[in-house]
Amino acid sequence: MSVDSADFVANTGDTIVFKFTPQANGFAFWSGASLTEEGSGAFTKLNVVANSATFKLPKDDSFVQVAIVDGPVPEIGSLSFTVNGGASTDLWTNRPLFRMPGAFFGFGK
């Protein structure tokens, strides 16, 4: 992994907030997430509250895994992140949830 191939890059220790936006009037919700640091293998369960999870970006390579529960009929949704409360960046937008990626790679500079 490197800065060039990471899904999100920020400074080590920056506050990253991932946010899931389900389709309007749907049943889907974000049920769980974890952060894994590549170098050490350290694993942290992230608290998901109101379809959002916050963590401090570790140094070098890491990845976030997300688990989204879909409705009884396949739905769409969006996943985005912010760094230190800045502008939101989309990881995927209005994508069918049964086809969405579930892991995102980060790099802490």
N, C-alpha and C. Protein backbone atom coordinates (compact mmCIF):
# COMPACT_ATOMS: atom_id res chain seq x y z
N MET A 1 0.86 -1.17 0.00
CA MET A 1 0.00 0.00 0.00
C MET A 1 0.90 1.23 0.00
N SER A 2 0.39 2.29 -0.56
CA SER A 2 1.13 3.54 -0.59
C SER A 2 0.15 4.70 -0.62
N VAL A 3 0.69 5.88 -0.55
CA VAL A 3 -0.14 7.08 -0.63
C VAL A 3 -0.93 7.07 -1.94
N ASP A 4 -0.29 6.67 -3.03
CA ASP A 4 -0.94 6.71 -4.34
C ASP A 4 -2.10 5.74 -4.47
N SER A 5 -2.08 4.62 -3.77
CA SER A 5 -3.14 3.63 -3.93
C SER A 5 -4.16 3.63 -2.78
N ALA A 6 -3.98 4.50 -1.79
CA ALA A 6 -4.90 4.55 -0.66
C ALA A 6 -6.22 5.22 -1.05
N ASP A 7 -7.30 4.79 -0.42
CA ASP A 7 -8.61 5.42 -0.63
C ASP A 7 -8.71 6.76 0.08
N PHE A 8 -7.98 6.90 1.20
CA PHE A 8 -7.95 8.17 1.92
C PHE A 8 -6.57 8.36 2.53
N VAL A 9 -6.09 9.60 2.48
CA VAL A 9 -4.76 9.95 2.99
C VAL A 9 -4.90 11.20 3.85
N ALA A 10 -4.25 11.20 4.99
CA ALA A 10 -4.25 12.36 5.87
C ALA A 10 -3.02 12.25 6.76
N ASN A 11 -2.87 13.18 7.66
CA ASN A 11 -1.76 13.13 8.60
C ASN A 11 -2.07 12.14 9.72
N THR A 12 -1.06 11.47 10.20
CA THR A 12 -1.21 10.56 11.33
C THR A 12 -1.85 11.31 12.49
N GLY A 13 -2.88 10.72 13.08
CA GLY A 13 -3.56 11.33 14.21
C GLY A 13 -4.74 12.22 13.83
N ASP A 14 -4.92 12.49 12.54
CA ASP A 14 -6.08 13.28 12.12
C ASP A 14 -7.36 12.52 12.44
N THR A 15 -8.43 13.25 12.66
CA THR A 15 -9.73 12.65 12.95
C THR A 15 -10.46 12.38 11.64
N ILE A 16 -10.77 11.11 11.41
CA ILE A 16 -11.48 10.68 10.22
C ILE A 16 -12.89 10.29 10.63
N VAL A 17 -13.89 10.78 9.91
CA VAL A 17 -15.28 10.40 10.16
C VAL A 17 -15.84 9.80 8.88
N PHE A 18 -16.25 8.54 8.97
CA PHE A 18 -16.95 7.87 7.87
C PHE A 18 -18.44 8.02 8.13
N LYS A 19 -19.22 8.29 7.07
CA LYS A 19 -20.66 8.44 7.21
C LYS A 19 -21.37 7.68 6.09
N PHE A 20 -22.33 6.86 6.49
CA PHE A 20 -23.17 6.13 5.55
C PHE A 20 -24.50 6.86 5.43
N THR A 21 -24.93 7.09 4.19
CA THR A 21 -26.22 7.71 3.93
C THR A 21 -27.09 6.71 3.17
N PRO A 22 -28.08 6.13 3.86
CA PRO A 22 -28.95 5.15 3.19
C PRO A 22 -29.94 5.86 2.27
N GLN A 23 -30.58 5.08 1.41
CA GLN A 23 -31.60 5.66 0.54
C GLN A 23 -32.76 6.15 1.39
N ALA A 24 -33.43 7.18 0.92
CA ALA A 24 -34.58 7.73 1.63
C ALA A 24 -35.67 6.66 1.78
N ASN A 25 -36.25 6.59 2.97
CA ASN A 25 -37.33 5.66 3.28
C ASN A 25 -36.94 4.19 3.14
N GLY A 26 -35.64 3.91 3.22
CA GLY A 26 -35.17 2.54 3.14
C GLY A 26 -35.00 1.92 4.52
N PHE A 27 -34.52 0.69 4.53
CA PHE A 27 -34.31 -0.04 5.78
C PHE A 27 -32.83 -0.26 6.10
N ALA A 28 -31.95 0.02 5.15
CA ALA A 28 -30.53 -0.26 5.33
C ALA A 28 -29.94 0.61 6.45
N PHE A 29 -28.93 0.03 7.12
CA PHE A 29 -28.19 0.79 8.14
C PHE A 29 -26.79 0.22 8.27
N TRP A 30 -25.90 1.03 8.81
CA TRP A 30 -24.52 0.63 9.04
C TRP A 30 -24.48 -0.08 10.38
N SER A 31 -24.12 -1.35 10.37
CA SER A 31 -24.19 -2.15 11.61
C SER A 31 -22.86 -2.31 12.32
N GLY A 32 -21.73 -2.17 11.64
CA GLY A 32 -20.45 -2.36 12.31
C GLY A 32 -19.29 -1.93 11.46
N ALA A 33 -18.14 -1.71 12.13
CA ALA A 33 -16.92 -1.31 11.43
C ALA A 33 -15.71 -1.65 12.28
N SER A 34 -14.58 -1.77 11.60
CA SER A 34 -13.32 -2.02 12.30
C SER A 34 -12.19 -1.30 11.59
N LEU A 35 -11.14 -1.05 12.34
CA LEU A 35 -9.92 -0.43 11.83
C LEU A 35 -8.77 -1.39 12.09
N THR A 36 -8.00 -1.72 11.06
CA THR A 36 -6.85 -2.60 11.21
C THR A 36 -5.60 -1.87 10.75
N GLU A 37 -4.58 -1.88 11.58
CA GLU A 37 -3.29 -1.27 11.23
C GLU A 37 -2.44 -2.36 10.58
N GLU A 38 -2.04 -2.11 9.35
CA GLU A 38 -1.32 -3.13 8.56
C GLU A 38 -0.02 -3.59 9.22
N GLY A 39 0.82 -2.65 9.65
CA GLY A 39 2.14 -3.00 10.18
C GLY A 39 2.09 -3.86 11.43
N SER A 40 1.25 -3.50 12.38
CA SER A 40 1.20 -4.20 13.66
C SER A 40 0.09 -5.24 13.72
N GLY A 41 -0.88 -5.13 12.82
CA GLY A 41 -2.02 -6.03 12.88
C GLY A 41 -3.02 -5.65 13.96
N ALA A 42 -2.79 -4.50 14.62
CA ALA A 42 -3.72 -4.05 15.66
C ALA A 42 -5.11 -3.87 15.07
N PHE A 43 -6.11 -4.36 15.78
CA PHE A 43 -7.49 -4.34 15.33
C PHE A 43 -8.31 -3.56 16.34
N THR A 44 -9.12 -2.63 15.86
CA THR A 44 -9.97 -1.83 16.74
C THR A 44 -11.39 -1.87 16.21
N LYS A 45 -12.33 -2.26 17.07
CA LYS A 45 -13.75 -2.19 16.71
C LYS A 45 -14.14 -0.72 16.79
N LEU A 46 -14.77 -0.21 15.74
CA LEU A 46 -15.22 1.18 15.74
C LEU A 46 -16.68 1.26 16.16
N ASN A 47 -17.00 2.24 16.97
CA ASN A 47 -18.39 2.46 17.35
C ASN A 47 -19.11 3.13 16.20
N VAL A 48 -20.23 2.56 15.80
CA VAL A 48 -21.06 3.14 14.75
C VAL A 48 -22.30 3.71 15.42
N VAL A 49 -22.46 5.02 15.30
CA VAL A 49 -23.59 5.73 15.90
C VAL A 49 -24.23 6.57 14.82
N ALA A 50 -25.52 6.39 14.62
CA ALA A 50 -26.28 7.16 13.63
C ALA A 50 -25.61 7.09 12.24
N ASN A 51 -25.23 5.87 11.85
CA ASN A 51 -24.60 5.63 10.54
C ASN A 51 -23.29 6.38 10.36
N SER A 52 -22.54 6.57 11.44
CA SER A 52 -21.27 7.29 11.40
C SER A 52 -20.26 6.63 12.34
N ALA A 53 -18.98 6.68 11.95
CA ALA A 53 -17.89 6.15 12.79
C ALA A 53 -16.71 7.11 12.72
N THR A 54 -16.08 7.33 13.87
CA THR A 54 -14.96 8.27 13.98
C THR A 54 -13.74 7.56 14.53
N PHE A 55 -12.55 7.89 13.98
CA PHE A 55 -11.31 7.32 14.49
C PHE A 55 -10.15 8.25 14.16
N LYS A 56 -9.04 8.02 14.86
CA LYS A 56 -7.79 8.74 14.58
C LYS A 56 -7.00 7.90 13.59
N LEU A 57 -6.50 8.54 12.55
CA LEU A 57 -5.76 7.81 11.51
C LEU A 57 -4.40 7.37 12.04
N PRO A 58 -4.13 6.05 12.01
CA PRO A 58 -2.82 5.59 12.46
C PRO A 58 -1.73 5.88 11.42
N LYS A 59 -0.50 5.73 11.83
CA LYS A 59 0.64 5.95 10.94
C LYS A 59 0.72 4.86 9.89
N ASP A 60 1.08 5.24 8.70
CA ASP A 60 1.30 4.33 7.57
C ASP A 60 -0.01 3.65 7.14
N ASP A 61 0.07 2.38 6.76
CA ASP A 61 -1.06 1.68 6.16
C ASP A 61 -2.08 1.18 7.18
N SER A 62 -3.34 1.34 6.82
CA SER A 62 -4.44 0.79 7.63
C SER A 62 -5.63 0.57 6.71
N PHE A 63 -6.62 -0.15 7.21
CA PHE A 63 -7.86 -0.26 6.44
C PHE A 63 -9.05 -0.32 7.37
N VAL A 64 -10.15 0.21 6.85
CA VAL A 64 -11.43 0.23 7.56
C VAL A 64 -12.35 -0.74 6.84
N GLN A 65 -12.99 -1.62 7.61
CA GLN A 65 -13.99 -2.52 7.06
C GLN A 65 -15.36 -2.07 7.55
N VAL A 66 -16.34 -2.08 6.67
CA VAL A 66 -17.69 -1.67 7.04
C VAL A 66 -18.66 -2.81 6.77
N ALA A 67 -19.69 -2.91 7.60
CA ALA A 67 -20.75 -3.89 7.42
C ALA A 67 -22.07 -3.13 7.38
N ILE A 68 -22.72 -3.18 6.23
CA ILE A 68 -23.99 -2.50 6.02
C ILE A 68 -25.08 -3.57 5.92
N VAL A 69 -26.16 -3.38 6.67
CA VAL A 69 -27.31 -4.28 6.59
C VAL A 69 -28.27 -3.69 5.57
N ASP A 70 -28.57 -4.46 4.54
CA ASP A 70 -29.46 -4.02 3.48
C ASP A 70 -30.91 -4.34 3.86
N GLY A 71 -31.85 -3.72 3.17
CA GLY A 71 -33.26 -3.96 3.42
C GLY A 71 -33.74 -5.25 2.79
N PRO A 72 -35.01 -5.55 2.94
CA PRO A 72 -35.54 -6.78 2.34
C PRO A 72 -35.53 -6.74 0.82
N VAL A 73 -35.55 -5.54 0.27
CA VAL A 73 -35.40 -5.33 -1.17
C VAL A 73 -34.08 -4.59 -1.34
N PRO A 74 -33.22 -4.99 -2.29
CA PRO A 74 -31.93 -4.33 -2.43
C PRO A 74 -32.08 -2.80 -2.54
N GLU A 75 -31.25 -2.11 -1.78
CA GLU A 75 -31.30 -0.65 -1.71
C GLU A 75 -29.99 -0.04 -2.21
N ILE A 76 -29.96 1.28 -2.27
CA ILE A 76 -28.76 2.02 -2.62
C ILE A 76 -28.33 2.84 -1.41
N GLY A 77 -27.11 3.34 -1.45
CA GLY A 77 -26.62 4.19 -0.37
C GLY A 77 -25.30 4.82 -0.78
N SER A 78 -24.82 5.70 0.09
CA SER A 78 -23.57 6.40 -0.16
C SER A 78 -22.68 6.31 1.08
N LEU A 79 -21.38 6.33 0.86
CA LEU A 79 -20.42 6.33 1.96
C LEU A 79 -19.40 7.42 1.68
N SER A 80 -19.16 8.25 2.69
CA SER A 80 -18.22 9.36 2.53
C SER A 80 -17.36 9.48 3.77
N PHE A 81 -16.34 10.34 3.70
CA PHE A 81 -15.51 10.59 4.87
C PHE A 81 -15.10 12.05 4.90
N THR A 82 -14.76 12.51 6.09
CA THR A 82 -14.18 13.84 6.28
C THR A 82 -12.90 13.68 7.08
N VAL A 83 -12.02 14.65 6.93
CA VAL A 83 -10.77 14.71 7.69
C VAL A 83 -10.81 15.99 8.50
N ASN A 84 -10.73 15.85 9.82
CA ASN A 84 -10.75 16.99 10.74
C ASN A 84 -11.91 17.94 10.48
N GLY A 85 -13.07 17.38 10.13
CA GLY A 85 -14.26 18.20 9.93
C GLY A 85 -14.28 18.97 8.63
N GLY A 86 -13.37 18.67 7.72
CA GLY A 86 -13.29 19.38 6.44
C GLY A 86 -14.36 18.92 5.46
N ALA A 87 -14.12 19.19 4.21
CA ALA A 87 -15.06 18.83 3.15
C ALA A 87 -15.24 17.32 3.07
N SER A 88 -16.43 16.92 2.72
CA SER A 88 -16.76 15.51 2.60
C SER A 88 -16.26 14.97 1.25
N THR A 89 -15.72 13.75 1.28
CA THR A 89 -15.26 13.08 0.07
C THR A 89 -16.02 11.76 -0.06
N ASP A 90 -16.60 11.52 -1.22
CA ASP A 90 -17.37 10.29 -1.44
C ASP A 90 -16.46 9.12 -1.74
N LEU A 91 -16.73 7.99 -1.08
CA LEU A 91 -16.07 6.73 -1.41
C LEU A 91 -16.92 5.97 -2.43
N TRP A 92 -18.24 6.04 -2.29
CA TRP A 92 -19.19 5.59 -3.29
C TRP A 92 -20.50 6.33 -3.08
N THR A 93 -21.21 6.57 -4.19
CA THR A 93 -22.41 7.41 -4.15
C THR A 93 -23.58 6.69 -4.81
N ASN A 94 -24.70 6.61 -4.06
CA ASN A 94 -25.94 5.99 -4.57
C ASN A 94 -25.67 4.69 -5.31
N ARG A 95 -24.91 3.86 -4.65
CA ARG A 95 -24.50 2.58 -5.23
C ARG A 95 -25.36 1.46 -4.66
N PRO A 96 -25.70 0.45 -5.47
CA PRO A 96 -26.43 -0.70 -4.93
C PRO A 96 -25.61 -1.33 -3.79
N LEU A 97 -26.23 -1.51 -2.66
CA LEU A 97 -25.49 -1.98 -1.48
C LEU A 97 -24.96 -3.39 -1.64
N PHE A 98 -25.61 -4.22 -2.44
CA PHE A 98 -25.11 -5.57 -2.63
C PHE A 98 -23.84 -5.61 -3.47
N ARG A 99 -23.45 -4.47 -4.05
CA ARG A 99 -22.23 -4.40 -4.86
C ARG A 99 -21.20 -3.43 -4.29
N MET A 100 -21.43 -2.92 -3.12
CA MET A 100 -20.51 -1.92 -2.58
C MET A 100 -19.26 -2.58 -1.99
N PRO A 101 -18.09 -1.92 -2.14
CA PRO A 101 -16.90 -2.45 -1.48
C PRO A 101 -17.02 -2.29 0.02
N GLY A 102 -16.42 -3.20 0.76
CA GLY A 102 -16.54 -3.19 2.21
C GLY A 102 -15.27 -2.86 2.94
N ALA A 103 -14.16 -2.61 2.23
CA ALA A 103 -12.90 -2.27 2.88
C ALA A 103 -12.28 -1.09 2.15
N PHE A 104 -11.73 -0.15 2.94
CA PHE A 104 -11.13 1.06 2.39
C PHE A 104 -9.78 1.27 3.03
N PHE A 105 -8.79 1.53 2.20
CA PHE A 105 -7.41 1.63 2.66
C PHE A 105 -7.03 3.08 2.92
N GLY A 106 -6.39 3.30 4.06
CA GLY A 106 -5.94 4.62 4.44
C GLY A 106 -4.44 4.67 4.61
N PHE A 107 -3.91 5.86 4.56
CA PHE A 107 -2.48 6.05 4.78
C PHE A 107 -2.29 7.27 5.64
N GLY A 108 -1.62 7.09 6.78
CA GLY A 108 -1.29 8.20 7.69
C GLY A 108 0.11 8.67 7.43
N LYS A 109 0.25 9.93 6.98
CA LYS A 109 1.58 10.48 6.67
C LYS A 109 2.31 10.91 7.93
